Amino acid sequence: MRKLTYLVAATIDGYITDPGGANPDFFVLDGEHAQSLRDEYPEIIPTHAREMLGLGGKPNRHFDTVLQGRHSYEIGLREGITNAYRHLRSIVFSTTMTDSPDSTVELVRTDPLTRVRELKREEGAGIWLCGGGTIAAALRDEIDELVVKLHPVVAGDGIPLFHGGGFAPQRYELADSAAYGSGVVVLTYRTRT
């Protein structure tokens, strides 16, 4: 069965973007952690930046599918990018969008849990939940792995890792951690079985 990984950048106080859901510019984008993440997860680099970063022909290592909520997807859409991850199967969850602006992006308007459970039963590599907090909360029961790129920033307010969904503590086991001179710590957690 395929694994669903929520791999996301967050502030020390647990926010993934500002309160309005804009493209988060408060994360440290360079330094040794950035190269390490590019080496380990080349597929998380948007298609339009892969060549510039020397990843043009590099194969995907972990994922062949990316999931996004409408707000995360619209960050690229506002910049004219209709599919930031053309090297992955792209799926966007939204109950308000009526059509996908790109034929290579699957729009799911129904229950996200049902669709993710179907995806997990398919053959293939892992599934990357790119964001955002609302879809992460909706899919929380199906998340097998949580990779948090914890940045040395306190935002004070914003959209949290899991936005909505109610109070329901869920335990994870720390599977790996790496601290970098940039102050970024990458924490990998797996669900407890």
C-alpha atoms as a PDB file:
ATOM      1  CA  MET A   1       0.000   0.000   0.000  1.00  0.00           C
ATOM      2  CA  ARG A   2       1.230   3.474  -0.850  1.00  0.00           C
ATOM      3  CA  LYS A   3       2.199   5.878   1.915  1.00  0.00           C
ATOM      4  CA  LEU A   4       0.831   9.413   2.379  1.00  0.00           C
ATOM      5  CA  THR A   5       3.515  11.863   3.555  1.00  0.00           C
ATOM      6  CA  TYR A   6       2.720  15.391   4.696  1.00  0.00           C
ATOM      7  CA  LEU A   7       6.002  17.166   3.949  1.00  0.00           C
ATOM      8  CA  VAL A   8       5.764  20.850   4.803  1.00  0.00           C
ATOM      9  CA  ALA A   9       7.692  23.848   6.110  1.00  0.00           C
ATOM     10  CA  ALA A  10       6.558  25.323   9.426  1.00  0.00           C
ATOM     11  CA  THR A  11       7.528  28.014  11.888  1.00  0.00           C
ATOM     12  CA  ILE A  12       8.547  27.203  15.464  1.00  0.00           C
ATOM     13  CA  ASP A  13       5.019  28.092  16.539  1.00  0.00           C
ATOM     14  CA  GLY A  14       3.462  25.731  13.981  1.00  0.00           C
ATOM     15  CA  TYR A  15       2.324  27.950  11.107  1.00  0.00           C
ATOM     16  CA  ILE A  16       2.768  27.103   7.436  1.00  0.00           C
ATOM     17  CA  THR A  17       1.821  30.500   6.018  1.00  0.00           C
ATOM     18  CA  ASP A  18       0.415  33.882   6.996  1.00  0.00           C
ATOM     19  CA  PRO A  19      -3.253  34.327   8.031  1.00  0.00           C
ATOM     20  CA  GLY A  20      -4.256  35.160   4.442  1.00  0.00           C
ATOM     21  CA  GLY A  21      -2.613  32.072   2.950  1.00  0.00           C
ATOM     22  CA  ALA A  22      -0.057  33.972   0.870  1.00  0.00           C
ATOM     23  CA  ASN A  23       3.132  32.371  -0.397  1.00  0.00           C
ATOM     24  CA  PRO A  24       5.244  32.101   2.769  1.00  0.00           C
ATOM     25  CA  ASP A  25       8.329  34.276   2.341  1.00  0.00           C
ATOM     26  CA  PHE A  26       9.526  33.969   5.941  1.00  0.00           C
ATOM     27  CA  PHE A  27      11.139  30.555   5.458  1.00  0.00           C
ATOM     28  CA  VAL A  28      14.907  30.235   4.981  1.00  0.00           C
ATOM     29  CA  LEU A  29      15.248  29.002   1.399  1.00  0.00           C
ATOM     30  CA  ASP A  30      18.995  28.546   1.184  1.00  0.00           C
ATOM     31  CA  GLY A  31      21.708  26.945   3.243  1.00  0.00           C
ATOM     32  CA  GLU A  32      22.865  23.402   3.837  1.00  0.00           C
ATOM     33  CA  HIS A  33      19.348  22.206   4.689  1.00  0.00           C
ATOM     34  CA  ALA A  34      18.092  23.300   1.263  1.00  0.00           C
ATOM     35  CA  GLN A  35      20.676  21.224  -0.593  1.00  0.00           C
ATOM     36  CA  SER A  36      20.078  18.257   1.671  1.00  0.00           C
ATOM     37  CA  LEU A  37      16.321  18.423   1.017  1.00  0.00           C
ATOM     38  CA  ARG A  38      16.876  18.769  -2.751  1.00  0.00           C
ATOM     39  CA  ASP A  39      19.085  15.672  -2.647  1.00  0.00           C
ATOM     40  CA  GLU A  40      16.628  13.628  -0.592  1.00  0.00           C
ATOM     41  CA  TYR A  41      13.363  14.918  -2.102  1.00  0.00           C
ATOM     42  CA  PRO A  42      14.104  16.277  -5.607  1.00  0.00           C
ATOM     43  CA  GLU A  43      10.446  15.857  -6.550  1.00  0.00           C
ATOM     44  CA  ILE A  44       9.298  18.623  -4.159  1.00  0.00           C
ATOM     45  CA  ILE A  45      11.037  21.237  -6.298  1.00  0.00           C
ATOM     46  CA  PRO A  46       8.539  22.830  -8.716  1.00  0.00           C
ATOM     47  CA  THR A  47       9.020  21.824 -12.339  1.00  0.00           C
ATOM     48  CA  HIS A  48       9.852  25.356 -13.494  1.00  0.00           C
ATOM     49  CA  ALA A  49      12.801  25.541 -11.015  1.00  0.00           C
ATOM     50  CA  ARG A  50      14.228  22.036 -11.489  1.00  0.00           C
ATOM     51  CA  GLU A  51      16.503  22.806 -14.455  1.00  0.00           C
ATOM     52  CA  MET A  52      17.890  25.927 -12.804  1.00  0.00           C
ATOM     53  CA  LEU A  53      18.773  23.884  -9.692  1.00  0.00           C
ATOM     54  CA  GLY A  54      20.388  21.069 -11.684  1.00  0.00           C
ATOM     55  CA  LEU A  55      17.479  18.681 -11.164  1.00  0.00           C
ATOM     56  CA  GLY A  56      16.157  18.628 -14.723  1.00  0.00           C
ATOM     57  CA  GLY A  57      16.744  14.930 -15.362  1.00  0.00           C
ATOM     58  CA  LYS A  58      16.827  13.753 -11.762  1.00  0.00           C
ATOM     59  CA  PRO A  59      14.262  11.022 -11.065  1.00  0.00           C
ATOM     60  CA  ASN A  60      11.701  11.219  -8.296  1.00  0.00           C
ATOM     61  CA  ARG A  61      12.912   9.394  -5.185  1.00  0.00           C
ATOM     62  CA  HIS A  62       9.863   9.087  -2.933  1.00  0.00           C
ATOM     63  CA  PHE A  63       6.695  10.369  -4.589  1.00  0.00           C
ATOM     64  CA  ASP A  64       4.871  10.120  -7.898  1.00  0.00           C
ATOM     65  CA  THR A  65       1.748  12.017  -6.787  1.00  0.00           C
ATOM     66  CA  VAL A  66       1.226  15.418  -5.148  1.00  0.00           C
ATOM     67  CA  LEU A  67      -1.923  16.542  -3.325  1.00  0.00           C
ATOM     68  CA  GLN A  68      -2.876  20.132  -2.627  1.00  0.00           C
ATOM     69  CA  GLY A  69      -5.816  21.988  -1.211  1.00  0.00           C
ATOM     70  CA  ARG A  70      -7.288  24.867  -3.190  1.00  0.00           C
ATOM     71  CA  HIS A  71      -5.473  27.597  -1.246  1.00  0.00           C
ATOM     72  CA  SER A  72      -2.046  26.000  -1.727  1.00  0.00           C
ATOM     73  CA  TYR A  73      -2.755  25.398  -5.406  1.00  0.00           C
ATOM     74  CA  GLU A  74      -3.860  28.992  -5.926  1.00  0.00           C
ATOM     75  CA  ILE A  75      -0.471  30.319  -4.747  1.00  0.00           C
ATOM     76  CA  GLY A  76       1.033  29.127  -8.041  1.00  0.00           C
ATOM     77  CA  LEU A  77      -2.098  29.912 -10.015  1.00  0.00           C
ATOM     78  CA  ARG A  78      -1.834  33.591  -9.016  1.00  0.00           C
ATOM     79  CA  GLU A  79       1.625  33.570 -10.625  1.00  0.00           C
ATOM     80  CA  GLY A  80       0.282  32.003 -13.828  1.00  0.00           C
ATOM     81  CA  ILE A  81       1.520  28.497 -12.940  1.00  0.00           C
ATOM     82  CA  THR A  82      -1.334  26.078 -13.583  1.00  0.00           C
ATOM     83  CA  ASN A  83       0.667  22.987 -12.561  1.00  0.00           C
ATOM     84  CA  ALA A  84       3.803  23.565 -10.498  1.00  0.00           C
ATOM     85  CA  TYR A  85       4.557  19.820 -10.374  1.00  0.00           C
ATOM     86  CA  ARG A  86       4.296  18.521 -13.939  1.00  0.00           C
ATOM     87  CA  HIS A  87       6.773  15.776 -13.061  1.00  0.00           C
ATOM     88  CA  LEU A  88       4.200  14.342 -10.606  1.00  0.00           C
ATOM     89  CA  ARG A  89       0.565  13.339 -10.859  1.00  0.00           C
ATOM     90  CA  SER A  90      -1.141  16.478  -9.517  1.00  0.00           C
ATOM     91  CA  ILE A  91      -4.412  16.374  -7.607  1.00  0.00           C
ATOM     92  CA  VAL A  92      -6.185  19.401  -6.132  1.00  0.00           C
ATOM     93  CA  PHE A  93      -9.045  19.149  -3.630  1.00  0.00           C
ATOM     94  CA  SER A  94     -11.677  21.868  -3.733  1.00  0.00           C
ATOM     95  CA  THR A  95     -15.417  22.094  -3.287  1.00  0.00           C
ATOM     96  CA  THR A  96     -15.528  25.622  -4.741  1.00  0.00           C
ATOM     97  CA  MET A  97     -13.544  25.244  -7.984  1.00  0.00           C
ATOM     98  CA  THR A  98     -15.741  24.025 -10.829  1.00  0.00           C
ATOM     99  CA  ASP A  99     -13.062  23.123 -13.401  1.00  0.00           C
ATOM    100  CA  SER A 100      -9.348  22.460 -13.379  1.00  0.00           C
ATOM    101  CA  PRO A 101      -7.442  25.234 -15.178  1.00  0.00           C
ATOM    102  CA  ASP A 102      -4.962  22.621 -16.448  1.00  0.00           C
ATOM    103  CA  SER A 103      -5.699  19.265 -18.059  1.00  0.00           C
ATOM    104  CA  THR A 104      -2.746  17.741 -16.155  1.00  0.00           C
ATOM    105  CA  VAL A 105      -4.287  18.622 -12.774  1.00  0.00           C
ATOM    106  CA  GLU A 106      -7.043  16.362 -11.445  1.00  0.00           C
ATOM    107  CA  LEU A 107      -9.681  18.300  -9.551  1.00  0.00           C
ATOM    108  CA  VAL A 108     -11.447  16.374  -6.773  1.00  0.00           C
ATOM    109  CA  ARG A 109     -14.653  17.987  -5.534  1.00  0.00           C
ATOM    110  CA  THR A 110     -15.867  15.034  -3.448  1.00  0.00           C
ATOM    111  CA  ASP A 111     -14.722  13.560  -0.139  1.00  0.00           C
ATOM    112  CA  PRO A 112     -10.902  13.788   0.053  1.00  0.00           C
ATOM    113  CA  LEU A 113     -10.637  10.784   2.401  1.00  0.00           C
ATOM    114  CA  THR A 114     -12.344   8.498  -0.092  1.00  0.00           C
ATOM    115  CA  ARG A 115     -10.087   9.661  -2.943  1.00  0.00           C
ATOM    116  CA  VAL A 116      -6.891   9.305  -0.873  1.00  0.00           C
ATOM    117  CA  ARG A 117      -7.877   5.809   0.240  1.00  0.00           C
ATOM    118  CA  GLU A 118      -8.326   4.889  -3.432  1.00  0.00           C
ATOM    119  CA  LEU A 119      -4.922   6.379  -4.281  1.00  0.00           C
ATOM    120  CA  LYS A 120      -3.228   4.463  -1.474  1.00  0.00           C
ATOM    121  CA  ARG A 121      -4.564   1.167  -2.882  1.00  0.00           C
ATOM    122  CA  GLU A 122      -3.105   1.889  -6.342  1.00  0.00           C
ATOM    123  CA  GLU A 123       0.329   0.726  -7.458  1.00  0.00           C
ATOM    124  CA  GLY A 124       3.026   3.369  -7.424  1.00  0.00           C
ATOM    125  CA  ALA A 125       5.383   5.401  -5.315  1.00  0.00           C
ATOM    126  CA  GLY A 126       4.472   7.537  -2.310  1.00  0.00           C
ATOM    127  CA  ILE A 127       1.935  10.335  -2.192  1.00  0.00           C
ATOM    128  CA  TRP A 128       3.070  13.800  -1.093  1.00  0.00           C
ATOM    129  CA  LEU A 129       0.627  16.089   0.682  1.00  0.00           C
ATOM    130  CA  CYS A 130       2.084  19.482  -0.184  1.00  0.00           C
ATOM    131  CA  GLY A 131      -0.435  21.589   1.701  1.00  0.00           C
ATOM    132  CA  GLY A 132      -2.294  23.238   3.119  1.00  0.00           C
ATOM    133  CA  GLY A 133      -3.516  23.088   6.644  1.00  0.00           C
ATOM    134  CA  THR A 134      -7.206  22.567   5.882  1.00  0.00           C
ATOM    135  CA  ILE A 135      -6.697  19.569   3.587  1.00  0.00           C
ATOM    136  CA  ALA A 136      -4.118  18.203   6.043  1.00  0.00           C
ATOM    137  CA  ALA A 137      -6.739  18.305   8.801  1.00  0.00           C
ATOM    138  CA  ALA A 138      -9.269  16.573   6.539  1.00  0.00           C
ATOM    139  CA  LEU A 139      -6.739  13.834   5.661  1.00  0.00           C
ATOM    140  CA  ARG A 140      -5.138  13.501   9.087  1.00  0.00           C
ATOM    141  CA  ASP A 141      -6.359   9.934   9.636  1.00  0.00           C
ATOM    142  CA  GLU A 142      -4.657   8.822   6.400  1.00  0.00           C
ATOM    143  CA  ILE A 143      -1.279  10.530   6.959  1.00  0.00           C
ATOM    144  CA  ASP A 144       1.377   7.856   7.466  1.00  0.00           C
ATOM    145  CA  GLU A 145       4.392  10.133   7.754  1.00  0.00           C
ATOM    146  CA  LEU A 146       4.883  13.755   8.733  1.00  0.00           C
ATOM    147  CA  VAL A 147       8.075  15.536   7.622  1.00  0.00           C
ATOM    148  CA  VAL A 148       8.289  19.014   9.146  1.00  0.00           C
ATOM    149  CA  LYS A 149      10.946  21.444   7.972  1.00  0.00           C
ATOM    150  CA  LEU A 150      10.965  23.500  11.172  1.00  0.00           C
ATOM    151  CA  HIS A 151      12.323  26.984  10.467  1.00  0.00           C
ATOM    152  CA  PRO A 152      13.813  29.332  13.089  1.00  0.00           C
ATOM    153  CA  VAL A 153      10.910  31.773  12.810  1.00  0.00           C
ATOM    154  CA  VAL A 154       8.037  32.681  15.116  1.00  0.00           C
ATOM    155  CA  ALA A 155       5.088  34.046  13.135  1.00  0.00           C
ATOM    156  CA  GLY A 156       2.587  34.740  15.923  1.00  0.00           C
ATOM    157  CA  ASP A 157      -0.396  33.960  13.718  1.00  0.00           C
ATOM    158  CA  GLY A 158      -1.218  32.242  10.467  1.00  0.00           C
ATOM    159  CA  ILE A 159      -2.505  28.989   9.083  1.00  0.00           C
ATOM    160  CA  PRO A 160      -1.367  26.060  11.234  1.00  0.00           C
ATOM    161  CA  LEU A 161      -0.064  22.668  10.087  1.00  0.00           C
ATOM    162  CA  PHE A 162      -3.550  21.256  10.681  1.00  0.00           C
ATOM    163  CA  HIS A 163      -6.275  23.867  10.296  1.00  0.00           C
ATOM    164  CA  GLY A 164      -9.672  22.876  11.651  1.00  0.00           C
ATOM    165  CA  GLY A 165     -10.847  19.349  12.209  1.00  0.00           C
ATOM    166  CA  GLY A 166     -11.245  19.715  15.939  1.00  0.00           C
ATOM    167  CA  PHE A 167      -9.237  18.654  18.946  1.00  0.00           C
ATOM    168  CA  ALA A 168      -8.210  15.005  18.564  1.00  0.00           C
ATOM    169  CA  PRO A 169      -4.693  14.212  19.811  1.00  0.00           C
ATOM    170  CA  GLN A 170      -2.816  11.729  17.667  1.00  0.00           C
ATOM    171  CA  ARG A 171       0.587  10.282  18.588  1.00  0.00           C
ATOM    172  CA  TYR A 172       3.532   9.927  16.238  1.00  0.00           C
ATOM    173  CA  GLU A 173       6.952   8.343  16.646  1.00  0.00           C
ATOM    174  CA  LEU A 174      10.083  10.315  15.797  1.00  0.00           C
ATOM    175  CA  ALA A 175      11.776   8.383  12.979  1.00  0.00           C
ATOM    176  CA  ASP A 176      14.535  10.833  12.064  1.00  0.00           C
ATOM    177  CA  SER A 177      15.842  14.320  12.734  1.00  0.00           C
ATOM    178  CA  ALA A 178      18.487  16.531  11.210  1.00  0.00           C
ATOM    179  CA  ALA A 179      19.616  19.949  12.466  1.00  0.00           C
ATOM    180  CA  TYR A 180      21.377  22.427  10.175  1.00  0.00           C
ATOM    181  CA  GLY A 181      23.538  25.499  10.697  1.00  0.00           C
ATOM    182  CA  SER A 182      20.781  27.610   9.125  1.00  0.00           C
ATOM    183  CA  GLY A 183      18.683  26.862  12.224  1.00  0.00           C
ATOM    184  CA  VAL A 184      16.331  24.610  10.256  1.00  0.00           C
ATOM    185  CA  VAL A 185      15.514  21.245  11.828  1.00  0.00           C
ATOM    186  CA  VAL A 186      13.918  18.534   9.693  1.00  0.00           C
ATOM    187  CA  LEU A 187      11.789  16.187  11.791  1.00  0.00           C
ATOM    188  CA  THR A 188      10.338  12.973  10.394  1.00  0.00           C
ATOM    189  CA  TYR A 189       7.490  11.348  12.296  1.00  0.00           C
ATOM    190  CA  ARG A 190       5.555   8.177  11.535  1.00  0.00           C
ATOM    191  CA  THR A 191       2.135   7.244  12.836  1.00  0.00           C
ATOM    192  CA  ARG A 192       2.110   4.827  15.738  1.00  0.00           C
ATOM    193  CA  THR A 193       0.733   1.438  14.867  1.00  0.00           C
END
